[in-house]
Amino acid sequence: MTDRKADNVTSVTSSLSRPVRDHVDAAEWEARVTLAACYRLVAHYGMTDMIYNHISLRVPGHPDQFLLNPYGVLYEEMTASMLYKIDLDGKVVIKPDLDYGYNRSGHVIHGAVLQARPDVNCVIHTHARSSEAVSTMSCGLLPITQHAMRFYGHVAYHDYQGPSLTTEEQAPLARDLGDKNLMILRNHGLLVCGPSVPQAFNTLYWAEMACKAQVDAMATGTEIVIPDPEVCAQTAHLYQPETRRPYGELEWAAMLRLLERKGADYAR
């Protein structure tokens, strides 16, 4: 494969002689299927940016390794066998049988979070339209809807430093994220994380819905009502995973049924 480092691609020339499934244990295969499903769901809900962005998942039993998409495949095409397995230093452990490398930004961003946050197993980065719009607003995400109040006091912000191509950005990115599971990347997009794929996807979905509502409300030009801080804080408390339930887990079976109706080829 041609080295396309100018295009932000880490190229790898070797590939497996046998199917990926023959090289991994049952836990990793299940993780691959779950991650591929997440890619398909992000595509289904219109939160993709062509072949760009990335979703990662830590490999079960190997906290220093994670799964990442090849750079050149659409989210709607993703399958369990297509995923790269790399370590926190960006070294390839398993390369899929594809003529694509992986996006170096994926290693920089996801490696930073996974290394700094042992409680996190899944990281999602998107460039969806509404969250990009909110990322440009000095006010940030406003608690003007119930969806947005879910994140009241639980949103981090990271100033734009250009495309994330070097590991120099890893330390400030991890520092700005802190213990939050949602970070607005200023002038860029969203970064969400969680202990599981279902929880991270759920956070992404409702963060994007909150951003959409904010953009729509601000576009009307009318005065916006913001509830009292006490109400916002109480609402946020009720959505924390330890208060009632970890949001995303209950919903995940329904998400998989949705994919089954569309065709389950992501699990191959």
Protein backbone atom coordinates (compact mmCIF):
# COMPACT_ATOMS: atom_id res chain seq x y z
CA MET A 1 0.00 0.00 0.00
CA THR A 2 1.24 3.49 -0.82
CA ASP A 3 2.33 5.53 2.18
CA ARG A 4 -0.12 8.45 2.44
CA LYS A 5 1.20 10.20 5.51
CA ALA A 6 0.42 13.56 3.95
CA ASP A 7 -3.21 12.46 4.08
CA ASN A 8 -2.95 11.61 7.77
CA VAL A 9 -2.90 7.86 7.13
CA THR A 10 -0.70 5.43 8.99
CA SER A 11 0.00 2.78 6.36
CA VAL A 12 0.58 -0.87 7.10
CA THR A 13 1.63 -3.34 4.43
CA SER A 14 1.15 -6.74 6.09
CA SER A 15 -2.19 -8.46 6.57
CA LEU A 16 -3.48 -11.72 8.02
CA SER A 17 -3.35 -14.92 6.00
CA ARG A 18 -6.54 -16.18 7.69
CA PRO A 19 -9.82 -14.43 8.63
CA VAL A 20 -9.63 -12.08 11.62
CA ARG A 21 -12.07 -14.24 13.56
CA ASP A 22 -9.51 -17.08 13.54
CA HIS A 23 -6.96 -14.81 15.31
CA VAL A 24 -9.07 -13.50 18.19
CA ASP A 25 -10.84 -14.98 21.20
CA ALA A 26 -14.60 -14.96 21.77
CA ALA A 27 -14.52 -11.83 23.95
CA GLU A 28 -12.68 -9.81 21.34
CA TRP A 29 -14.95 -11.02 18.56
CA GLU A 30 -18.00 -9.97 20.56
CA ALA A 31 -16.37 -6.56 21.14
CA ARG A 32 -15.73 -6.24 17.42
CA VAL A 33 -19.35 -7.03 16.57
CA THR A 34 -20.58 -4.51 19.15
CA LEU A 35 -18.27 -1.79 17.86
CA ALA A 36 -19.25 -2.45 14.24
CA ALA A 37 -22.90 -2.12 15.30
CA CYS A 38 -22.10 1.27 16.85
CA TYR A 39 -20.56 2.47 13.58
CA ARG A 40 -23.71 1.40 11.73
CA LEU A 41 -25.94 3.20 14.26
CA VAL A 42 -23.98 6.44 14.02
CA ALA A 43 -24.45 6.23 10.24
CA HIS A 44 -28.16 5.44 10.60
CA TYR A 45 -28.73 8.54 12.73
CA GLY A 46 -26.85 10.81 10.33
CA MET A 47 -23.88 11.66 12.55
CA THR A 48 -21.12 10.68 10.11
CA ASP A 49 -18.63 12.72 8.10
CA MET A 50 -17.87 10.57 5.02
CA ILE A 51 -14.88 8.30 5.89
CA TYR A 52 -13.67 10.56 8.69
CA ASN A 53 -13.90 10.39 12.49
CA HIS A 54 -13.49 7.33 14.65
CA ILE A 55 -15.03 5.14 17.32
CA SER A 56 -12.76 2.99 19.46
CA LEU A 57 -13.23 0.17 21.94
CA ARG A 58 -10.69 -1.23 24.36
CA VAL A 59 -9.92 -4.91 23.74
CA PRO A 60 -11.30 -7.08 26.58
CA GLY A 61 -8.46 -8.38 28.72
CA HIS A 62 -5.93 -6.09 27.03
CA PRO A 63 -6.29 -2.56 28.47
CA ASP A 64 -3.36 -1.29 26.38
CA GLN A 65 -5.00 -2.25 23.05
CA PHE A 66 -8.05 -0.92 21.24
CA LEU A 67 -10.08 -1.44 18.07
CA LEU A 68 -10.29 1.33 15.46
CA ASN A 69 -11.71 1.79 11.99
CA PRO A 70 -9.67 1.66 8.77
CA TYR A 71 -9.32 5.07 7.10
CA GLY A 72 -11.31 4.79 3.89
CA VAL A 73 -14.39 2.79 4.92
CA LEU A 74 -17.81 4.38 5.42
CA TYR A 75 -19.49 3.79 8.77
CA GLU A 76 -22.42 2.13 6.98
CA GLU A 77 -19.96 -0.42 5.54
CA MET A 78 -18.22 -1.32 8.80
CA THR A 79 -17.95 -4.96 9.85
CA ALA A 80 -16.32 -6.72 12.78
CA SER A 81 -13.52 -8.07 10.57
CA MET A 82 -12.58 -4.65 9.19
CA LEU A 83 -11.41 -3.19 12.50
CA TYR A 84 -7.76 -2.55 13.25
CA LYS A 85 -6.33 -3.59 16.59
CA ILE A 86 -3.61 -1.19 17.76
CA ASP A 87 -1.89 -0.43 21.04
CA LEU A 88 -1.73 2.85 22.93
CA ASP A 89 1.52 3.72 21.13
CA GLY A 90 -0.13 3.31 17.73
CA LYS A 91 1.55 0.00 16.89
CA VAL A 92 -0.63 -2.32 14.80
CA VAL A 93 -1.43 -5.64 16.46
CA ILE A 94 -3.96 -6.87 13.87
CA LYS A 95 -4.47 -5.35 10.43
CA PRO A 96 -7.64 -6.21 8.50
CA ASP A 97 -7.33 -7.53 4.97
CA LEU A 98 -7.97 -4.14 3.40
CA ASP A 99 -5.91 -1.72 1.35
CA TYR A 100 -6.30 1.01 3.97
CA GLY A 101 -4.27 2.26 6.87
CA TYR A 102 -5.76 3.85 9.97
CA ASN A 103 -6.27 7.52 10.72
CA ARG A 104 -3.45 8.84 12.92
CA SER A 105 -5.87 11.29 14.54
CA GLY A 106 -7.73 8.26 15.82
CA HIS A 107 -4.67 7.11 17.70
CA VAL A 108 -3.91 10.60 19.04
CA ILE A 109 -7.42 11.32 20.31
CA HIS A 110 -8.54 7.89 21.44
CA GLY A 111 -5.16 6.85 22.76
CA ALA A 112 -5.09 9.96 24.95
CA VAL A 113 -8.48 9.21 26.51
CA LEU A 114 -7.96 5.48 26.96
CA GLN A 115 -4.57 5.99 28.55
CA ALA A 116 -5.80 8.68 30.96
CA ARG A 117 -9.16 7.11 31.84
CA PRO A 118 -9.07 3.45 32.96
CA ASP A 119 -12.83 3.71 33.58
CA VAL A 120 -13.43 4.33 29.86
CA ASN A 121 -13.61 1.56 27.29
CA CYS A 122 -15.35 3.28 24.36
CA VAL A 123 -14.56 6.67 22.80
CA ILE A 124 -16.52 8.35 19.99
CA HIS A 125 -15.50 11.44 18.01
CA THR A 126 -17.89 13.08 15.52
CA HIS A 127 -18.24 16.09 13.24
CA ALA A 128 -22.03 16.20 13.05
CA ARG A 129 -23.63 19.43 11.85
CA SER A 130 -25.46 20.65 14.94
CA SER A 131 -22.71 19.82 17.43
CA GLU A 132 -20.18 21.50 15.15
CA ALA A 133 -22.40 24.58 15.19
CA VAL A 134 -22.58 24.57 18.99
CA SER A 135 -18.81 24.06 19.17
CA THR A 136 -18.41 27.52 17.61
CA MET A 137 -20.63 29.25 20.20
CA SER A 138 -18.94 30.97 23.12
CA CYS A 139 -21.92 30.03 25.31
CA GLY A 140 -21.34 26.33 24.74
CA LEU A 141 -24.15 23.87 25.33
CA LEU A 142 -27.04 25.64 27.07
CA PRO A 143 -29.40 23.81 29.47
CA ILE A 144 -32.51 24.80 27.53
CA THR A 145 -34.00 21.33 27.01
CA GLN A 146 -34.26 18.22 29.15
CA HIS A 147 -31.75 16.53 26.85
CA ALA A 148 -29.27 19.36 27.39
CA MET A 149 -29.89 19.51 31.16
CA ARG A 150 -28.74 15.90 31.32
CA PHE A 151 -25.24 17.29 30.74
CA TYR A 152 -25.48 20.33 33.02
CA GLY A 153 -22.20 20.53 34.91
CA HIS A 154 -20.96 17.47 33.04
CA VAL A 155 -19.53 19.00 29.85
CA ALA A 156 -15.84 19.63 29.25
CA TYR A 157 -14.37 21.95 26.59
CA HIS A 158 -11.15 21.74 24.60
CA ASP A 159 -9.86 24.64 22.49
CA TYR A 160 -9.06 23.94 18.85
CA GLN A 161 -5.38 23.29 18.16
CA GLY A 162 -5.63 22.26 14.52
CA PRO A 163 -5.98 18.69 13.22
CA SER A 164 -4.92 16.20 15.90
CA LEU A 165 -1.86 14.75 14.19
CA THR A 166 0.76 14.61 16.93
CA THR A 167 0.87 13.15 20.42
CA GLU A 168 1.67 16.63 21.79
CA GLU A 169 -2.07 17.28 21.98
CA GLN A 170 -2.76 14.16 24.05
CA ALA A 171 -1.88 15.62 27.45
CA PRO A 172 -3.98 18.82 27.13
CA LEU A 173 -6.86 16.86 25.63
CA ALA A 174 -6.89 14.38 28.52
CA ARG A 175 -6.51 17.23 31.04
CA ASP A 176 -9.46 19.14 29.59
CA LEU A 177 -11.66 16.05 29.52
CA GLY A 178 -10.97 15.28 33.18
CA ASP A 179 -13.62 12.96 34.57
CA LYS A 180 -16.35 14.04 32.12
CA ASN A 181 -17.88 11.75 29.50
CA LEU A 182 -18.78 14.55 27.08
CA MET A 183 -16.40 17.12 25.69
CA ILE A 184 -17.13 19.80 23.12
CA LEU A 185 -14.08 20.28 20.94
CA ARG A 186 -14.22 24.00 20.16
CA ASN A 187 -14.63 24.76 16.44
CA HIS A 188 -14.45 21.03 15.78
CA GLY A 189 -17.13 18.65 17.09
CA LEU A 190 -17.87 16.23 19.90
CA LEU A 191 -15.94 13.68 21.90
CA VAL A 192 -17.85 11.28 24.12
CA CYS A 193 -16.73 8.30 26.13
CA GLY A 194 -18.09 5.67 28.48
CA PRO A 195 -17.47 2.33 30.13
CA SER A 196 -19.30 0.52 27.32
CA VAL A 197 -20.35 1.01 23.71
CA PRO A 198 -24.08 1.25 24.59
CA GLN A 199 -23.47 3.98 27.18
CA ALA A 200 -21.12 5.97 24.95
CA PHE A 201 -23.51 5.78 21.98
CA ASN A 202 -26.41 6.91 24.15
CA THR A 203 -24.40 9.90 25.37
CA LEU A 204 -23.55 10.81 21.78
CA TYR A 205 -27.14 10.51 20.59
CA TRP A 206 -28.62 12.74 23.30
CA ALA A 207 -25.78 15.26 23.12
CA GLU A 208 -26.41 15.64 19.40
CA MET A 209 -30.16 15.98 20.00
CA ALA A 210 -29.46 18.69 22.57
CA CYS A 211 -27.25 20.54 20.09
CA LYS A 212 -29.91 20.29 17.38
CA ALA A 213 -32.54 21.77 19.68
CA GLN A 214 -30.21 24.61 20.67
CA VAL A 215 -29.42 25.51 17.06
CA ASP A 216 -33.12 25.43 16.15
CA ALA A 217 -34.13 27.53 19.16
CA MET A 218 -31.44 30.15 18.58
CA ALA A 219 -32.37 30.36 14.90
CA THR A 220 -35.84 31.65 15.80
CA GLY A 221 -34.38 34.83 17.26
CA THR A 222 -36.83 34.73 20.19
CA GLU A 223 -35.86 34.96 23.85
CA ILE A 224 -34.75 31.59 25.21
CA VAL A 225 -35.92 30.38 28.61
CA ILE A 226 -33.27 28.77 30.81
CA PRO A 227 -34.56 26.97 33.94
CA ASP A 228 -33.18 27.77 37.39
CA PRO A 229 -29.72 26.30 38.10
CA GLU A 230 -31.19 24.13 40.87
CA VAL A 231 -33.62 22.54 38.42
CA CYS A 232 -30.85 21.99 35.88
CA ALA A 233 -28.60 20.40 38.50
CA GLN A 234 -31.35 18.09 39.77
CA THR A 235 -32.20 17.02 36.23
CA ALA A 236 -28.53 16.27 35.53
CA HIS A 237 -28.33 14.26 38.75
CA LEU A 238 -31.26 12.08 37.68
CA TYR A 239 -29.45 11.17 34.47
CA GLN A 240 -26.18 10.10 36.10
CA PRO A 241 -25.56 6.35 35.77
CA GLU A 242 -25.43 5.74 39.49
CA THR A 243 -28.75 7.51 40.20
CA ARG A 244 -31.31 5.46 38.30
CA ARG A 245 -29.57 3.37 35.65
CA PRO A 246 -26.65 3.59 33.20
CA TYR A 247 -28.41 5.03 30.16
CA GLY A 248 -27.72 3.14 26.96
CA GLU A 249 -27.70 -0.41 28.28
CA LEU A 250 -31.49 -0.86 28.32
CA GLU A 251 -31.77 0.83 24.92
CA TRP A 252 -29.07 -1.27 23.24
CA ALA A 253 -31.22 -4.31 22.47
CA ALA A 254 -33.67 -2.05 20.63
CA MET A 255 -30.77 -0.53 18.69
CA LEU A 256 -29.62 -3.99 17.63
CA ARG A 257 -33.17 -4.91 16.56
CA LEU A 258 -33.15 -1.80 14.38
CA LEU A 259 -29.94 -3.00 12.72
CA GLU A 260 -31.34 -6.52 12.32
CA ARG A 261 -34.21 -5.08 10.30
CA LYS A 262 -31.69 -3.30 8.10
CA GLY A 263 -29.52 -6.41 7.73
CA ALA A 264 -26.99 -7.81 10.19
CA ASP A 265 -23.93 -8.02 7.94
CA TYR A 266 -21.97 -5.82 10.37
CA ALA A 267 -21.38 -8.99 12.43
CA ARG A 268 -19.16 -10.65 9.86
